[in-house]
Amino acid sequence: NKVSYLENGTPTSKTVTPTANGAAADAVANQPKNGKLTE
């Protein structure tokens, strides 16, 4: 599931992605359903 998620780039749940140095980056929070980001 992790490999599919990272490669396809489509979030299936609220999750975080490890960076190259082992830290974690939050996915875009509270995304509108149409994909448009807030300011």
All heavy atoms as atom14 arrays in JSON, in Angstrom:
{
  "sequence": "NKVSYLENGTPTSKTVTPTANGAAADAVANQPKNGKLTE",
  "atom14_mask": [
    [1, 1, 1, 1, 1, 1, 1, 1, 0, 0, 0, 0, 0, 0],
    [1, 1, 1, 1, 1, 1, 1, 1, 1, 0, 0, 0, 0, 0],
    [1, 1, 1, 1, 1, 1, 1, 0, 0, 0, 0, 0, 0, 0],
    [1, 1, 1, 1, 1, 1, 0, 0, 0, 0, 0, 0, 0, 0],
    [1, 1, 1, 1, 1, 1, 1, 1, 1, 1, 1, 1, 0, 0],
    [1, 1, 1, 1, 1, 1, 1, 1, 0, 0, 0, 0, 0, 0],
    [1, 1, 1, 1, 1, 1, 1, 1, 1, 0, 0, 0, 0, 0],
    [1, 1, 1, 1, 1, 1, 1, 1, 0, 0, 0, 0, 0, 0],
    [1, 1, 1, 1, 0, 0, 0, 0, 0, 0, 0, 0, 0, 0],
    [1, 1, 1, 1, 1, 1, 1, 0, 0, 0, 0, 0, 0, 0],
    [1, 1, 1, 1, 1, 1, 1, 0, 0, 0, 0, 0, 0, 0],
    [1, 1, 1, 1, 1, 1, 1, 0, 0, 0, 0, 0, 0, 0],
    [1, 1, 1, 1, 1, 1, 0, 0, 0, 0, 0, 0, 0, 0],
    [1, 1, 1, 1, 1, 1, 1, 1, 1, 0, 0, 0, 0, 0],
    [1, 1, 1, 1, 1, 1, 1, 0, 0, 0, 0, 0, 0, 0],
    [1, 1, 1, 1, 1, 1, 1, 0, 0, 0, 0, 0, 0, 0],
    [1, 1, 1, 1, 1, 1, 1, 0, 0, 0, 0, 0, 0, 0],
    [1, 1, 1, 1, 1, 1, 1, 0, 0, 0, 0, 0, 0, 0],
    [1, 1, 1, 1, 1, 1, 1, 0, 0, 0, 0, 0, 0, 0],
    [1, 1, 1, 1, 1, 0, 0, 0, 0, 0, 0, 0, 0, 0],
    [1, 1, 1, 1, 1, 1, 1, 1, 0, 0, 0, 0, 0, 0],
    [1, 1, 1, 1, 0, 0, 0, 0, 0, 0, 0, 0, 0, 0],
    [1, 1, 1, 1, 1, 0, 0, 0, 0, 0, 0, 0, 0, 0],
    [1, 1, 1, 1, 1, 0, 0, 0, 0, 0, 0, 0, 0, 0],
    [1, 1, 1, 1, 1, 0, 0, 0, 0, 0, 0, 0, 0, 0],
    [1, 1, 1, 1, 1, 1, 1, 1, 0, 0, 0, 0, 0, 0],
    [1, 1, 1, 1, 1, 0, 0, 0, 0, 0, 0, 0, 0, 0],
    [1, 1, 1, 1, 1, 1, 1, 0, 0, 0, 0, 0, 0, 0],
    [1, 1, 1, 1, 1, 0, 0, 0, 0, 0, 0, 0, 0, 0],
    [1, 1, 1, 1, 1, 1, 1, 1, 0, 0, 0, 0, 0, 0],
    [1, 1, 1, 1, 1, 1, 1, 1, 1, 0, 0, 0, 0, 0],
    [1, 1, 1, 1, 1, 1, 1, 0, 0, 0, 0, 0, 0, 0],
    [1, 1, 1, 1, 1, 1, 1, 1, 1, 0, 0, 0, 0, 0],
    [1, 1, 1, 1, 1, 1, 1, 1, 0, 0, 0, 0, 0, 0],
    [1, 1, 1, 1, 0, 0, 0, 0, 0, 0, 0, 0, 0, 0],
    [1, 1, 1, 1, 1, 1, 1, 1, 1, 0, 0, 0, 0, 0],
    [1, 1, 1, 1, 1, 1, 1, 1, 0, 0, 0, 0, 0, 0],
    [1, 1, 1, 1, 1, 1, 1, 0, 0, 0, 0, 0, 0, 0],
    [1, 1, 1, 1, 1, 1, 1, 1, 1, 0, 0, 0, 0, 0]
  ],
  "atom14_positions": [
    [[0.83, -1.2, 0.0], [0.0, 0.0, 0.0], [0.86, 1.25, 0.0], [0.57, 2.24, -0.68], [-0.92, 0.0, 1.22], [-1.98, 1.08, 1.15], [-2.61, 1.25, 0.11], [-2.17, 1.81, 2.23], [0.0, 0.0, 0.0], [0.0, 0.0, 0.0], [0.0, 0.0, 0.0], [0.0, 0.0, 0.0], [0.0, 0.0, 0.0], [0.0, 0.0, 0.0]],
    [[1.98, 1.21, 0.76], [2.88, 2.37, 0.83], [3.52, 2.65, -0.51], [3.58, 3.8, -0.95], [3.96, 2.12, 1.89], [4.93, 3.29, 2.04], [5.95, 3.01, 3.12], [6.92, 4.17, 3.27], [7.95, 3.92, 4.29], [0.0, 0.0, 0.0], [0.0, 0.0, 0.0], [0.0, 0.0, 0.0], [0.0, 0.0, 0.0], [0.0, 0.0, 0.0]],
    [[3.99, 1.6, -1.18], [4.62, 1.77, -2.49], [3.62, 2.32, -3.49], [3.91, 3.26, -4.24], [5.21, 0.43, -3.0], [5.64, 0.55, -4.45], [6.38, 0.01, -2.13], [0.0, 0.0, 0.0], [0.0, 0.0, 0.0], [0.0, 0.0, 0.0], [0.0, 0.0, 0.0], [0.0, 0.0, 0.0], [0.0, 0.0, 0.0], [0.0, 0.0, 0.0]],
    [[2.4, 1.76, -3.49], [1.37, 2.24, -4.41], [1.02, 3.68, -4.14], [0.84, 4.49, -5.04], [0.11, 1.37, -4.29], [0.4, 0.04, -4.65], [0.0, 0.0, 0.0], [0.0, 0.0, 0.0], [0.0, 0.0, 0.0], [0.0, 0.0, 0.0], [0.0, 0.0, 0.0], [0.0, 0.0, 0.0], [0.0, 0.0, 0.0], [0.0, 0.0, 0.0]],
    [[0.94, 4.02, -2.85], [0.59, 5.39, -2.45], [1.65, 6.38, -2.88], [1.36, 7.42, -3.47], [0.4, 5.44, -0.94], [0.36, 6.85, -0.39], [-0.73, 7.66, -0.63], [1.42, 7.35, 0.36], [-0.77, 8.95, -0.13], [1.4, 8.63, 0.85], [0.29, 9.43, 0.61], [0.27, 10.7, 1.09], [0.0, 0.0, 0.0], [0.0, 0.0, 0.0]],
    [[2.92, 6.05, -2.65], [4.0, 6.96, -3.0], [4.1, 7.14, -4.51], [4.3, 8.24, -5.0], [5.33, 6.44, -2.45], [5.53, 6.55, -0.94], [6.81, 5.83, -0.55], [5.58, 8.0, -0.49], [0.0, 0.0, 0.0], [0.0, 0.0, 0.0], [0.0, 0.0, 0.0], [0.0, 0.0, 0.0], [0.0, 0.0, 0.0], [0.0, 0.0, 0.0]],
    [[3.95, 6.05, -5.26], [4.1, 6.12, -6.7], [2.92, 6.79, -7.37], [3.07, 7.55, -8.31], [4.27, 4.71, -7.29], [5.64, 4.12, -7.03], [5.84, 2.83, -7.78], [4.83, 2.16, -8.08], [6.99, 2.48, -8.07], [0.0, 0.0, 0.0], [0.0, 0.0, 0.0], [0.0, 0.0, 0.0], [0.0, 0.0, 0.0], [0.0, 0.0, 0.0]],
    [[1.73, 6.51, -6.89], [0.54, 7.06, -7.56], [0.2, 8.45, -7.08], [-0.54, 9.17, -7.74], [-0.65, 6.12, -7.35], [-1.75, 6.37, -8.34], [-1.52, 6.82, -9.45], [-2.97, 6.08, -7.94], [0.0, 0.0, 0.0], [0.0, 0.0, 0.0], [0.0, 0.0, 0.0], [0.0, 0.0, 0.0], [0.0, 0.0, 0.0], [0.0, 0.0, 0.0]],
    [[0.73, 8.84, -5.91], [0.54, 10.2, -5.44], [-0.86, 10.53, -5.0], [-1.21, 11.68, -4.82], [0.0, 0.0, 0.0], [0.0, 0.0, 0.0], [0.0, 0.0, 0.0], [0.0, 0.0, 0.0], [0.0, 0.0, 0.0], [0.0, 0.0, 0.0], [0.0, 0.0, 0.0], [0.0, 0.0, 0.0], [0.0, 0.0, 0.0], [0.0, 0.0, 0.0]],
    [[-1.72, 9.53, -4.83], [-3.1, 9.79, -4.46], [-3.34, 9.37, -3.02], [-3.37, 8.18, -2.71], [-4.08, 9.01, -5.37], [-3.75, 9.31, -6.72], [-5.51, 9.37, -5.09], [0.0, 0.0, 0.0], [0.0, 0.0, 0.0], [0.0, 0.0, 0.0], [0.0, 0.0, 0.0], [0.0, 0.0, 0.0], [0.0, 0.0, 0.0], [0.0, 0.0, 0.0]],
    [[-3.57, 10.31, -2.1], [-3.78, 9.97, -0.71], [-5.02, 9.13, -0.52], [-6.07, 9.44, -1.08], [-3.91, 11.34, -0.03], [-3.3, 12.31, -0.97], [-3.55, 11.76, -2.33], [0.0, 0.0, 0.0], [0.0, 0.0, 0.0], [0.0, 0.0, 0.0], [0.0, 0.0, 0.0], [0.0, 0.0, 0.0], [0.0, 0.0, 0.0], [0.0, 0.0, 0.0]],
    [[-4.94, 8.08, 0.27], [-6.11, 7.28, 0.59], [-6.61, 7.58, 2.0], [-7.68, 7.17, 2.38], [-5.77, 5.78, 0.51], [-4.64, 5.52, 1.35], [-5.42, 5.39, -0.92], [0.0, 0.0, 0.0], [0.0, 0.0, 0.0], [0.0, 0.0, 0.0], [0.0, 0.0, 0.0], [0.0, 0.0, 0.0], [0.0, 0.0, 0.0], [0.0, 0.0, 0.0]],
    [[-5.83, 8.29, 2.78], [-6.22, 8.68, 4.12], [-5.32, 9.81, 4.56], [-4.37, 10.18, 3.88], [-6.07, 7.49, 5.09], [-4.72, 7.09, 5.15], [0.0, 0.0, 0.0], [0.0, 0.0, 0.0], [0.0, 0.0, 0.0], [0.0, 0.0, 0.0], [0.0, 0.0, 0.0], [0.0, 0.0, 0.0], [0.0, 0.0, 0.0], [0.0, 0.0, 0.0]],
    [[-5.61, 10.38, 5.71], [-4.77, 11.45, 6.23], [-3.47, 10.82, 6.71], [-3.46, 10.02, 7.64], [-5.48, 12.15, 7.39], [-5.08, 13.6, 7.56], [-6.02, 14.29, 8.48], [-5.74, 15.79, 8.51], [-6.67, 16.51, 9.4], [0.0, 0.0, 0.0], [0.0, 0.0, 0.0], [0.0, 0.0, 0.0], [0.0, 0.0, 0.0], [0.0, 0.0, 0.0]],
    [[-2.38, 11.16, 6.09], [-1.13, 10.45, 6.37], [0.06, 11.38, 6.24], [-0.09, 12.54, 5.91], [-0.97, 9.25, 5.41], [0.17, 8.5, 5.79], [-0.78, 9.71, 3.98], [0.0, 0.0, 0.0], [0.0, 0.0, 0.0], [0.0, 0.0, 0.0], [0.0, 0.0, 0.0], [0.0, 0.0, 0.0], [0.0, 0.0, 0.0], [0.0, 0.0, 0.0]],
    [[1.23, 10.86, 6.51], [2.46, 11.63, 6.33], [3.42, 10.81, 5.49], [3.32, 9.6, 5.43], [3.13, 11.97, 7.69], [2.26, 12.89, 8.5], [3.43, 10.7, 8.48], [0.0, 0.0, 0.0], [0.0, 0.0, 0.0], [0.0, 0.0, 0.0], [0.0, 0.0, 0.0], [0.0, 0.0, 0.0], [0.0, 0.0, 0.0], [0.0, 0.0, 0.0]],
    [[4.33, 11.49, 4.86], [5.3, 10.84, 4.0], [6.7, 11.08, 4.53], [7.05, 12.23, 4.78], [5.2, 11.39, 2.57], [3.88, 11.15, 2.09], [6.2, 10.71, 1.65], [0.0, 0.0, 0.0], [0.0, 0.0, 0.0], [0.0, 0.0, 0.0], [0.0, 0.0, 0.0], [0.0, 0.0, 0.0], [0.0, 0.0, 0.0], [0.0, 0.0, 0.0]],
    [[7.52, 10.05, 4.71], [8.88, 10.27, 5.19], [9.73, 10.97, 4.14], [9.64, 10.65, 2.96], [9.39, 8.85, 5.45], [8.57, 7.98, 4.56], [7.23, 8.64, 4.46], [0.0, 0.0, 0.0], [0.0, 0.0, 0.0], [0.0, 0.0, 0.0], [0.0, 0.0, 0.0], [0.0, 0.0, 0.0], [0.0, 0.0, 0.0], [0.0, 0.0, 0.0]],
    [[10.55, 11.9, 4.56], [11.46, 12.56, 3.65], [12.74, 11.74, 3.56], [12.88, 10.72, 4.24], [11.81, 13.98, 4.15], [12.59, 13.85, 5.35], [10.57, 14.78, 4.44], [0.0, 0.0, 0.0], [0.0, 0.0, 0.0], [0.0, 0.0, 0.0], [0.0, 0.0, 0.0], [0.0, 0.0, 0.0], [0.0, 0.0, 0.0], [0.0, 0.0, 0.0]],
    [[13.67, 12.2, 2.73], [14.92, 11.45, 2.53], [15.73, 11.35, 3.82], [16.48, 10.41, 4.02], [15.75, 12.11, 1.44], [0.0, 0.0, 0.0], [0.0, 0.0, 0.0], [0.0, 0.0, 0.0], [0.0, 0.0, 0.0], [0.0, 0.0, 0.0], [0.0, 0.0, 0.0], [0.0, 0.0, 0.0], [0.0, 0.0, 0.0], [0.0, 0.0, 0.0]],
    [[15.57, 12.33, 4.71], [16.38, 12.3, 5.93], [15.61, 11.73, 7.13], [16.03, 11.87, 8.26], [16.9, 13.71, 6.26], [15.76, 14.7, 6.5], [14.61, 14.3, 6.54], [16.1, 15.95, 6.65], [0.0, 0.0, 0.0], [0.0, 0.0, 0.0], [0.0, 0.0, 0.0], [0.0, 0.0, 0.0], [0.0, 0.0, 0.0], [0.0, 0.0, 0.0]],
    [[14.46, 11.11, 6.86], [13.73, 10.43, 7.91], [12.72, 11.29, 8.64], [12.01, 10.83, 9.52], [0.0, 0.0, 0.0], [0.0, 0.0, 0.0], [0.0, 0.0, 0.0], [0.0, 0.0, 0.0], [0.0, 0.0, 0.0], [0.0, 0.0, 0.0], [0.0, 0.0, 0.0], [0.0, 0.0, 0.0], [0.0, 0.0, 0.0], [0.0, 0.0, 0.0]],
    [[12.62, 12.58, 8.27], [11.61, 13.44, 8.88], [10.26, 13.12, 8.25], [10.14, 12.24, 7.43], [11.99, 14.91, 8.66], [0.0, 0.0, 0.0], [0.0, 0.0, 0.0], [0.0, 0.0, 0.0], [0.0, 0.0, 0.0], [0.0, 0.0, 0.0], [0.0, 0.0, 0.0], [0.0, 0.0, 0.0], [0.0, 0.0, 0.0], [0.0, 0.0, 0.0]],
    [[9.24, 13.86, 8.63], [7.92, 13.59, 8.06], [7.28, 14.89, 7.61], [7.38, 15.91, 8.27], [7.02, 12.9, 9.09], [0.0, 0.0, 0.0], [0.0, 0.0, 0.0], [0.0, 0.0, 0.0], [0.0, 0.0, 0.0], [0.0, 0.0, 0.0], [0.0, 0.0, 0.0], [0.0, 0.0, 0.0], [0.0, 0.0, 0.0], [0.0, 0.0, 0.0]],
    [[6.62, 14.84, 6.45], [5.95, 16.03, 5.92], [4.45, 15.77, 5.89], [4.0, 14.77, 5.36], [6.45, 16.33, 4.51], [0.0, 0.0, 0.0], [0.0, 0.0, 0.0], [0.0, 0.0, 0.0], [0.0, 0.0, 0.0], [0.0, 0.0, 0.0], [0.0, 0.0, 0.0], [0.0, 0.0, 0.0], [0.0, 0.0, 0.0], [0.0, 0.0, 0.0]],
    [[3.66, 16.67, 6.47], [2.22, 16.51, 6.47], [1.67, 16.69, 5.07], [2.12, 17.52, 4.3], [1.56, 17.54, 7.39], [1.84, 17.24, 8.84], [1.67, 16.07, 9.22], [2.24, 18.15, 9.58], [0.0, 0.0, 0.0], [0.0, 0.0, 0.0], [0.0, 0.0, 0.0], [0.0, 0.0, 0.0], [0.0, 0.0, 0.0], [0.0, 0.0, 0.0]],
    [[0.65, 15.89, 4.74], [-0.06, 16.1, 3.49], [-0.81, 17.41, 3.58], [-1.0, 17.96, 4.66], [-1.04, 14.94, 3.27], [0.0, 0.0, 0.0], [0.0, 0.0, 0.0], [0.0, 0.0, 0.0], [0.0, 0.0, 0.0], [0.0, 0.0, 0.0], [0.0, 0.0, 0.0], [0.0, 0.0, 0.0], [0.0, 0.0, 0.0], [0.0, 0.0, 0.0]],
    [[-1.21, 17.95, 2.44], [-1.95, 19.21, 2.45], [-3.19, 19.05, 3.31], [-4.0, 18.17, 3.08], [-2.35, 19.61, 1.02], [-3.21, 20.87, 1.04], [-1.12, 19.84, 0.18], [0.0, 0.0, 0.0], [0.0, 0.0, 0.0], [0.0, 0.0, 0.0], [0.0, 0.0, 0.0], [0.0, 0.0, 0.0], [0.0, 0.0, 0.0], [0.0, 0.0, 0.0]],
    [[-3.32, 19.89, 4.32], [-4.42, 19.75, 5.28], [-5.69, 20.43, 4.77], [-5.65, 21.45, 4.1], [-4.02, 20.37, 6.61], [0.0, 0.0, 0.0], [0.0, 0.0, 0.0], [0.0, 0.0, 0.0], [0.0, 0.0, 0.0], [0.0, 0.0, 0.0], [0.0, 0.0, 0.0], [0.0, 0.0, 0.0], [0.0, 0.0, 0.0], [0.0, 0.0, 0.0]],
    [[-6.83, 19.83, 5.11], [-8.13, 20.42, 4.82], [-8.3, 20.81, 3.36], [-8.77, 21.9, 3.04], [-8.36, 21.66, 5.71], [-8.22, 21.32, 7.18], [-8.74, 20.31, 7.64], [-7.53, 22.17, 7.92], [0.0, 0.0, 0.0], [0.0, 0.0, 0.0], [0.0, 0.0, 0.0], [0.0, 0.0, 0.0], [0.0, 0.0, 0.0], [0.0, 0.0, 0.0]],
    [[-7.93, 19.95, 2.47], [-8.08, 20.24, 1.05], [-9.54, 20.3, 0.66], [-10.32, 19.43, 1.01], [-7.44, 19.12, 0.22], [-6.03, 19.37, -0.19], [-5.52, 18.22, -1.01], [-6.18, 17.78, -1.93], [-4.36, 17.72, -0.67], [0.0, 0.0, 0.0], [0.0, 0.0, 0.0], [0.0, 0.0, 0.0], [0.0, 0.0, 0.0], [0.0, 0.0, 0.0]],
    [[-9.95, 21.33, -0.09], [-11.3, 21.35, -0.63], [-11.48, 20.17, -1.58], [-10.52, 19.72, -2.19], [-11.35, 22.69, -1.38], [-10.26, 23.51, -0.78], [-9.2, 22.54, -0.4], [0.0, 0.0, 0.0], [0.0, 0.0, 0.0], [0.0, 0.0, 0.0], [0.0, 0.0, 0.0], [0.0, 0.0, 0.0], [0.0, 0.0, 0.0], [0.0, 0.0, 0.0]],
    [[-12.69, 19.69, -1.71], [-12.93, 18.5, -2.51], [-12.59, 18.7, -3.98], [-12.25, 17.76, -4.67], [-14.39, 18.05, -2.36], [-14.7, 17.49, -0.97], [-16.12, 17.0, -0.89], [-16.42, 16.43, 0.49], [-17.82, 15.97, 0.6], [0.0, 0.0, 0.0], [0.0, 0.0, 0.0], [0.0, 0.0, 0.0], [0.0, 0.0, 0.0], [0.0, 0.0, 0.0]],
    [[-12.71, 19.95, -4.49], [-12.42, 20.16, -5.9], [-10.94, 20.29, -6.2], [-10.55, 20.48, -7.34], [-13.17, 21.41, -6.42], [-12.65, 22.7, -5.79], [-11.8, 22.67, -4.91], [-13.19, 23.83, -6.24], [0.0, 0.0, 0.0], [0.0, 0.0, 0.0], [0.0, 0.0, 0.0], [0.0, 0.0, 0.0], [0.0, 0.0, 0.0], [0.0, 0.0, 0.0]],
    [[-10.08, 20.18, -5.17], [-8.65, 20.22, -5.37], [-8.05, 21.61, -5.3], [-6.83, 21.75, -5.35], [0.0, 0.0, 0.0], [0.0, 0.0, 0.0], [0.0, 0.0, 0.0], [0.0, 0.0, 0.0], [0.0, 0.0, 0.0], [0.0, 0.0, 0.0], [0.0, 0.0, 0.0], [0.0, 0.0, 0.0], [0.0, 0.0, 0.0], [0.0, 0.0, 0.0]],
    [[-8.88, 22.66, -5.22], [-8.34, 24.01, -5.17], [-7.79, 24.3, -3.78], [-8.44, 24.05, -2.77], [-9.42, 25.04, -5.52], [-8.88, 26.45, -5.67], [-9.96, 27.4, -6.15], [-9.41, 28.8, -6.33], [-10.46, 29.74, -6.81], [0.0, 0.0, 0.0], [0.0, 0.0, 0.0], [0.0, 0.0, 0.0], [0.0, 0.0, 0.0], [0.0, 0.0, 0.0]],
    [[-6.56, 24.8, -3.72], [-5.93, 25.08, -2.45], [-6.4, 26.42, -1.89], [-6.83, 27.31, -2.62], [-4.4, 25.12, -2.62], [-3.72, 23.89, -3.23], [-2.21, 24.05, -3.15], [-4.15, 22.61, -2.54], [0.0, 0.0, 0.0], [0.0, 0.0, 0.0], [0.0, 0.0, 0.0], [0.0, 0.0, 0.0], [0.0, 0.0, 0.0], [0.0, 0.0, 0.0]],
    [[-6.3, 26.55, -0.59], [-6.59, 27.83, 0.04], [-5.45, 28.8, -0.29], [-4.39, 28.39, -0.79], [-6.68, 27.68, 1.56], [-5.39, 27.3, 2.07], [-7.71, 26.62, 1.95], [0.0, 0.0, 0.0], [0.0, 0.0, 0.0], [0.0, 0.0, 0.0], [0.0, 0.0, 0.0], [0.0, 0.0, 0.0], [0.0, 0.0, 0.0], [0.0, 0.0, 0.0]],
    [[-5.64, 30.07, -0.02], [-4.59, 31.06, -0.29], [-3.32, 30.74, 0.48], [-2.21, 30.88, -0.03], [-5.08, 32.46, 0.07], [-6.11, 33.03, -0.91], [-6.45, 34.47, -0.6], [-5.7, 35.12, 0.16], [-7.47, 34.96, -1.13], [0.0, 0.0, 0.0], [0.0, 0.0, 0.0], [0.0, 0.0, 0.0], [0.0, 0.0, 0.0], [0.0, 0.0, 0.0]]
  ]
}
